[in-house]
Amino acid sequence: MSYELTILGSSSAIPTVEKNPTAQLLNANERFFLIDCAEGTQIQLRKYKFKFQKISRIFISHLHGDHYFGLIGLISSMHLLGREKELHIYAHTKLKEIIDIQLSASSTDLCYPLFFHPITPNVDQLLFEDKKIKISTFPLSHGIDCNGFLFEEKRPPRKILSDKIKKYNIPIDQLKDIKWGEDFLTEDGSLILNDKLTIANKLPFSYAFCSDTKYSESIINKVKGVSLLYHETTFMHERKDRAEETNHSTTIDAATIAKLAEVNYLLIGHFSQRYRDDSILLEETKSVFKNTIIAKQGITVDFSKL
């Protein structure tokens, strides 16, 4: 099973021939979540050979165009390709109004169920949870309603030692409980502790996406200890005044948040068009937080290799 993040676009507001604005695809054990959807996102999905119809949920951080202008095109293409399964979109309330107007203007009656889930501004909120994953959101500081997202893989069950099943003659119907930590009582009344029967499975992965935001230590506890943190890095530190003015972050801002939050790895993106060479942003960020990766368009980050 895969746990991978693909960067579909990582530049700031204006798309260029070489770079697309923000969009990412998280493959969480073959469940596909799209995070932001700038213009050109569906072309990027085709370019990197992802099937539209596998995307089940889309998360939009805020309503600046470089984070959602590609959404109506993707929704329409899914319709034209005959999608049948439902699609869920998590975003601030006004996005539903925008999409409804666009669909109405083109007299489009989608052939699949589309559900909007409103994000409540300025509060932490659980968006989705099942047995395998928990997805929540938290507010960022960007001048308009803007949210980050946290994807947390549920802790997998422990692995049962096959020789112990034979040794203690453990019934099949008790294996599930033992995988989840239960001890085992033998027929003669002996209690076999779980750690004698199982070994721990891999640690669960977690991913935090911090879209456009100025430096804010309020997010530190939200992203504490995650496997991978994406934090926007629009400017180098010499332009910190410009970053503050536009509600964006610098390389040092992102690195400082990563360091204080004790994350495993930092992923930086959303670079200003003024920087022709992204490597200088990476170098400055790594001066504070060594485990930094640059969000090059088209790369796939494999969580198992972090």
Protein backbone atom coordinates (compact mmCIF):
# COMPACT_ATOMS: atom_id res chain seq x y z
CA MET A 1 0.00 0.00 0.00
CA SER A 2 1.20 3.52 -0.81
CA TYR A 3 1.38 6.69 1.22
CA GLU A 4 2.61 9.34 -1.18
CA LEU A 5 2.23 13.05 -1.91
CA THR A 6 2.54 14.33 -5.49
CA ILE A 7 3.14 18.02 -6.17
CA LEU A 8 0.96 19.09 -9.11
CA GLY A 9 1.76 22.78 -8.71
CA SER A 10 3.79 24.82 -6.24
CA SER A 11 4.21 28.38 -7.47
CA SER A 12 2.52 31.51 -6.16
CA ALA A 13 -0.36 33.43 -7.71
CA ILE A 14 0.52 33.70 -11.41
CA PRO A 15 0.95 30.53 -13.50
CA THR A 16 3.80 30.38 -16.00
CA VAL A 17 4.80 28.03 -18.79
CA GLU A 18 7.09 26.19 -16.37
CA LYS A 19 5.12 26.35 -13.13
CA ASN A 20 1.54 25.88 -11.95
CA PRO A 21 -0.01 27.33 -8.80
CA THR A 22 -0.92 25.21 -5.81
CA ALA A 23 -2.34 21.71 -6.09
CA GLN A 24 -1.29 18.47 -4.38
CA LEU A 25 -2.52 14.90 -4.50
CA LEU A 26 -2.25 12.71 -1.41
CA ASN A 27 -2.42 8.96 -1.97
CA ALA A 28 -3.27 7.54 1.44
CA ASN A 29 -3.19 3.79 0.89
CA GLU A 30 -4.90 4.07 -2.51
CA ARG A 31 -7.42 6.66 -1.35
CA PHE A 32 -6.85 9.89 -3.26
CA PHE A 33 -7.32 13.33 -1.73
CA LEU A 34 -6.81 16.52 -3.76
CA ILE A 35 -5.54 19.51 -1.79
CA ASP A 36 -6.23 22.83 -3.52
CA CYS A 37 -7.01 22.98 -7.23
CA ALA A 38 -5.39 25.83 -9.13
CA GLU A 39 -6.01 26.35 -12.84
CA GLY A 40 -4.31 23.65 -14.86
CA THR A 41 -4.70 20.99 -12.18
CA GLN A 42 -6.54 18.53 -14.41
CA ILE A 43 -3.80 18.86 -17.02
CA GLN A 44 -1.24 18.09 -14.33
CA LEU A 45 -3.24 15.04 -13.25
CA ARG A 46 -3.12 13.78 -16.82
CA LYS A 47 0.56 14.60 -17.17
CA TYR A 48 1.48 12.55 -14.12
CA LYS A 49 -0.95 9.76 -15.07
CA PHE A 50 -3.52 10.02 -12.25
CA LYS A 51 -7.12 9.08 -12.97
CA PHE A 52 -9.62 11.83 -12.12
CA GLN A 53 -12.25 9.39 -10.96
CA LYS A 54 -10.09 7.99 -8.18
CA ILE A 55 -10.25 11.31 -6.34
CA SER A 56 -12.89 11.02 -3.62
CA ARG A 57 -12.44 14.24 -1.62
CA ILE A 58 -11.16 17.71 -2.46
CA PHE A 59 -9.95 20.21 0.14
CA ILE A 60 -9.74 23.93 -0.73
CA SER A 61 -7.75 26.08 1.68
CA HIS A 62 -9.12 29.50 0.70
CA LEU A 63 -10.71 31.48 -2.08
CA HIS A 64 -7.77 33.19 -3.72
CA GLY A 65 -7.90 32.09 -7.34
CA ASP A 66 -4.52 30.37 -7.43
CA HIS A 67 -5.95 27.78 -5.06
CA TYR A 68 -9.31 26.96 -6.67
CA PHE A 69 -9.67 28.31 -10.23
CA GLY A 70 -9.17 24.80 -11.63
CA LEU A 71 -12.03 23.27 -9.65
CA ILE A 72 -14.98 23.91 -11.99
CA GLY A 73 -12.98 22.48 -14.90
CA LEU A 74 -12.16 19.33 -12.97
CA ILE A 75 -15.76 18.92 -11.82
CA SER A 76 -16.96 19.34 -15.40
CA SER A 77 -14.44 16.87 -16.82
CA MET A 78 -15.46 14.28 -14.25
CA HIS A 79 -19.03 14.76 -15.47
CA LEU A 80 -18.10 14.49 -19.15
CA LEU A 81 -16.15 11.32 -18.43
CA GLY A 82 -19.26 9.72 -16.92
CA ARG A 83 -18.35 9.71 -13.25
CA GLU A 84 -20.85 7.85 -11.10
CA LYS A 85 -19.42 7.82 -7.59
CA GLU A 86 -19.96 10.77 -5.29
CA LEU A 87 -17.46 13.59 -4.86
CA HIS A 88 -16.98 15.53 -1.61
CA ILE A 89 -15.62 19.08 -1.46
CA TYR A 90 -14.51 20.75 1.77
CA ALA A 91 -14.23 24.52 1.55
CA HIS A 92 -15.49 27.84 2.85
CA THR A 93 -19.18 28.46 2.23
CA LYS A 94 -18.86 30.93 -0.66
CA LEU A 95 -17.25 28.31 -2.87
CA LYS A 96 -20.52 26.41 -3.11
CA GLU A 97 -22.22 29.58 -4.35
CA ILE A 98 -19.50 30.03 -6.99
CA ILE A 99 -19.72 26.45 -8.25
CA ASP A 100 -23.53 26.48 -8.25
CA ILE A 101 -23.53 29.65 -10.38
CA GLN A 102 -21.04 28.17 -12.84
CA LEU A 103 -23.01 24.95 -13.21
CA SER A 104 -26.29 26.86 -13.55
CA ALA A 105 -24.87 29.23 -16.17
CA SER A 106 -23.88 26.28 -18.35
CA SER A 107 -27.11 24.35 -17.65
CA THR A 108 -25.02 21.47 -16.35
CA ASP A 109 -26.79 18.78 -14.34
CA LEU A 110 -24.00 16.62 -12.99
CA CYS A 111 -24.30 12.88 -13.54
CA TYR A 112 -22.78 12.14 -10.14
CA PRO A 113 -23.57 13.25 -6.57
CA LEU A 114 -21.60 16.32 -5.46
CA PHE A 115 -21.51 17.17 -1.76
CA PHE A 116 -20.16 20.40 -0.24
CA HIS A 117 -18.96 20.40 3.36
CA PRO A 118 -18.54 23.91 4.79
CA ILE A 119 -15.42 24.86 6.71
CA THR A 120 -16.18 27.05 9.70
CA PRO A 121 -13.75 29.99 9.82
CA ASN A 122 -11.49 30.58 12.81
CA VAL A 123 -12.06 27.26 14.56
CA ASP A 124 -10.50 23.81 14.55
CA GLN A 125 -12.83 21.31 12.91
CA LEU A 126 -12.98 17.58 12.20
CA LEU A 127 -13.84 17.15 8.52
CA PHE A 128 -13.77 13.40 7.95
CA GLU A 129 -12.95 10.26 9.90
CA ASP A 130 -13.20 6.54 9.37
CA LYS A 131 -11.28 3.46 10.52
CA LYS A 132 -8.19 4.34 8.49
CA ILE A 133 -7.79 8.13 8.49
CA LYS A 134 -8.73 11.31 10.33
CA ILE A 135 -8.81 14.63 8.46
CA SER A 136 -9.15 17.91 10.30
CA THR A 137 -8.70 21.61 9.62
CA PHE A 138 -7.38 24.62 11.51
CA PRO A 139 -7.32 28.37 10.78
CA LEU A 140 -4.36 30.16 9.24
CA SER A 141 -3.56 33.88 9.16
CA HIS A 142 -3.88 35.22 5.62
CA GLY A 143 -6.20 38.23 5.64
CA ILE A 144 -9.19 36.23 4.37
CA ASP A 145 -10.67 32.98 5.66
CA CYS A 146 -7.93 30.43 5.12
CA ASN A 147 -7.36 26.97 6.54
CA GLY A 148 -4.72 24.34 6.88
CA PHE A 149 -5.42 20.60 6.77
CA LEU A 150 -4.12 17.71 8.85
CA PHE A 151 -4.25 14.14 7.52
CA GLU A 152 -3.60 11.52 10.21
CA GLU A 153 -3.36 7.84 9.41
CA LYS A 154 -4.96 5.72 12.11
CA ARG A 155 -2.53 3.54 14.06
CA PRO A 156 -2.50 0.13 12.35
CA PRO A 157 -3.19 -3.02 14.40
CA ARG A 158 -0.30 -4.96 15.92
CA LYS A 159 1.15 -7.94 14.06
CA ILE A 160 0.45 -11.36 15.58
CA LEU A 161 3.37 -13.78 15.80
CA SER A 162 2.24 -16.86 13.90
CA ASP A 163 4.15 -19.27 16.12
CA LYS A 164 2.26 -17.97 19.17
CA ILE A 165 -1.08 -18.77 17.54
CA LYS A 166 -0.02 -22.42 17.30
CA LYS A 167 1.67 -22.48 20.71
CA TYR A 168 -1.38 -21.20 22.60
CA ASN A 169 -4.01 -22.59 20.22
CA ILE A 170 -5.61 -19.16 19.79
CA PRO A 171 -9.08 -19.33 18.16
CA ILE A 172 -9.52 -17.42 14.90
CA ASP A 173 -12.37 -15.34 16.32
CA GLN A 174 -10.01 -13.83 18.94
CA LEU A 175 -7.25 -12.77 16.57
CA LYS A 176 -8.84 -9.40 15.76
CA ASP A 177 -9.02 -8.38 19.43
CA ILE A 178 -5.44 -9.47 20.01
CA LYS A 179 -4.28 -7.37 17.04
CA TRP A 180 -5.81 -4.37 18.79
CA GLY A 181 -4.03 -5.01 22.08
CA GLU A 182 -6.13 -7.53 24.00
CA ASP A 183 -4.42 -10.16 26.15
CA PHE A 184 -5.29 -13.86 25.73
CA LEU A 185 -6.72 -16.21 28.34
CA THR A 186 -5.82 -19.85 27.69
CA GLU A 187 -8.11 -22.81 28.38
CA ASP A 188 -6.26 -23.54 31.61
CA GLY A 189 -6.77 -19.96 32.84
CA SER A 190 -3.28 -18.59 32.12
CA LEU A 191 -3.16 -14.96 30.99
CA ILE A 192 -0.79 -14.33 28.08
CA LEU A 193 0.07 -10.64 27.80
CA ASN A 194 -0.34 -9.04 24.40
CA ASP A 195 3.30 -8.07 24.01
CA LYS A 196 4.15 -11.80 24.18
CA LEU A 197 1.82 -12.48 21.25
CA THR A 198 2.36 -9.49 18.95
CA ILE A 199 4.83 -6.92 17.75
CA ALA A 200 4.14 -3.28 16.94
CA ASN A 201 3.21 -2.37 13.40
CA LYS A 202 4.71 0.64 11.62
CA LEU A 203 4.11 4.10 13.03
CA PRO A 204 1.18 5.91 11.38
CA PHE A 205 1.96 8.67 8.89
CA SER A 206 0.70 12.24 9.20
CA TYR A 207 0.70 15.19 6.82
CA ALA A 208 -0.03 18.84 7.58
CA PHE A 209 -0.75 21.31 4.78
CA CYS A 210 -0.30 24.97 5.69
CA SER A 211 -1.44 27.01 2.74
CA ASP A 212 -0.97 30.78 2.44
CA THR A 213 -0.27 32.28 5.87
CA LYS A 214 1.93 34.77 7.61
CA TYR A 215 4.13 33.57 10.46
CA SER A 216 1.90 32.36 13.28
CA GLU A 217 2.94 30.24 16.22
CA SER A 218 -0.71 29.36 16.81
CA ILE A 219 -0.33 26.46 14.38
CA ILE A 220 2.59 24.83 16.19
CA ASN A 221 0.46 22.57 18.39
CA LYS A 222 -1.77 21.70 15.42
CA VAL A 223 1.13 20.25 13.42
CA LYS A 224 3.27 19.00 16.30
CA GLY A 225 5.42 16.02 15.35
CA VAL A 226 3.89 15.31 11.95
CA SER A 227 5.75 13.14 9.46
CA LEU A 228 5.69 15.91 6.86
CA LEU A 229 4.72 19.58 7.08
CA TYR A 230 4.03 21.67 4.00
CA HIS A 231 4.44 25.36 4.78
CA GLU A 232 4.29 28.14 2.22
CA THR A 233 7.57 30.00 1.63
CA THR A 234 6.73 32.88 -0.67
CA PHE A 235 9.75 35.05 0.13
CA MET A 236 13.33 34.85 1.28
CA HIS A 237 14.04 36.35 4.68
CA GLU A 238 15.34 39.65 3.27
CA ARG A 239 11.76 40.40 2.22
CA LYS A 240 10.18 39.69 5.60
CA ASP A 241 8.48 43.12 5.61
CA ARG A 242 6.82 42.30 2.28
CA ALA A 243 5.77 38.91 3.65
CA GLU A 244 4.14 40.55 6.65
CA GLU A 245 2.41 43.11 4.43
CA THR A 246 0.92 40.45 2.14
CA ASN A 247 0.15 37.88 4.86
CA HIS A 248 2.73 35.41 3.59
CA SER A 249 5.78 33.66 5.04
CA THR A 250 9.51 33.63 4.48
CA THR A 251 11.97 30.75 4.40
CA ILE A 252 12.99 31.43 7.99
CA ASP A 253 9.35 31.65 9.09
CA ALA A 254 8.58 28.19 7.71
CA ALA A 255 11.78 26.69 9.08
CA THR A 256 11.13 28.16 12.53
CA ILE A 257 7.61 26.70 12.65
CA ALA A 258 8.98 23.29 11.60
CA LYS A 259 11.67 23.43 14.26
CA LEU A 260 9.34 24.52 17.07
CA ALA A 261 6.75 21.93 16.05
CA GLU A 262 9.42 19.19 15.95
CA VAL A 263 8.16 17.82 12.64
CA ASN A 264 10.13 15.11 10.87
CA TYR A 265 10.37 16.85 7.50
CA LEU A 266 9.43 20.24 6.02
CA LEU A 267 8.19 20.74 2.46
CA ILE A 268 8.36 24.31 1.11
CA GLY A 269 6.54 25.87 -1.85
CA HIS A 270 4.40 28.78 -3.15
CA PHE A 271 7.48 30.69 -4.26
CA SER A 272 7.27 34.23 -5.60
CA GLN A 273 7.85 34.59 -9.34
CA ARG A 274 10.86 36.82 -8.60
CA TYR A 275 12.93 33.75 -7.73
CA ARG A 276 14.23 32.04 -10.85
CA ASP A 277 16.36 29.62 -8.84
CA ASP A 278 14.36 27.78 -6.17
CA SER A 279 17.51 26.32 -4.66
CA ILE A 280 18.34 29.57 -2.89
CA LEU A 281 15.09 29.32 -0.93
CA LEU A 282 15.89 25.73 -0.01
CA GLU A 283 19.39 26.65 1.14
CA GLU A 284 18.15 29.46 3.38
CA THR A 285 15.39 27.28 4.89
CA LYS A 286 17.86 24.48 5.63
CA SER A 287 20.06 26.90 7.55
CA VAL A 288 17.42 26.67 10.30
CA PHE A 289 15.73 23.33 9.62
CA LYS A 290 17.92 20.75 7.94
CA ASN A 291 15.26 18.19 6.96
CA THR A 292 13.69 20.40 4.29
CA ILE A 293 12.44 19.31 0.85
CA ILE A 294 11.58 21.66 -1.99
CA ALA A 295 8.16 21.15 -3.60
CA LYS A 296 9.36 20.75 -7.15
CA GLN A 297 6.47 20.36 -9.55
CA GLY A 298 5.99 16.69 -10.43
CA ILE A 299 7.87 15.15 -7.50
CA THR A 300 6.31 12.43 -5.39
CA VAL A 301 7.22 12.21 -1.72
CA ASP A 302 7.08 8.62 -0.42
CA PHE A 303 6.36 8.78 3.32
CA SER A 304 7.91 5.37 3.89
CA LYS A 305 11.26 6.76 2.75
CA LEU A 306 11.29 9.88 4.90
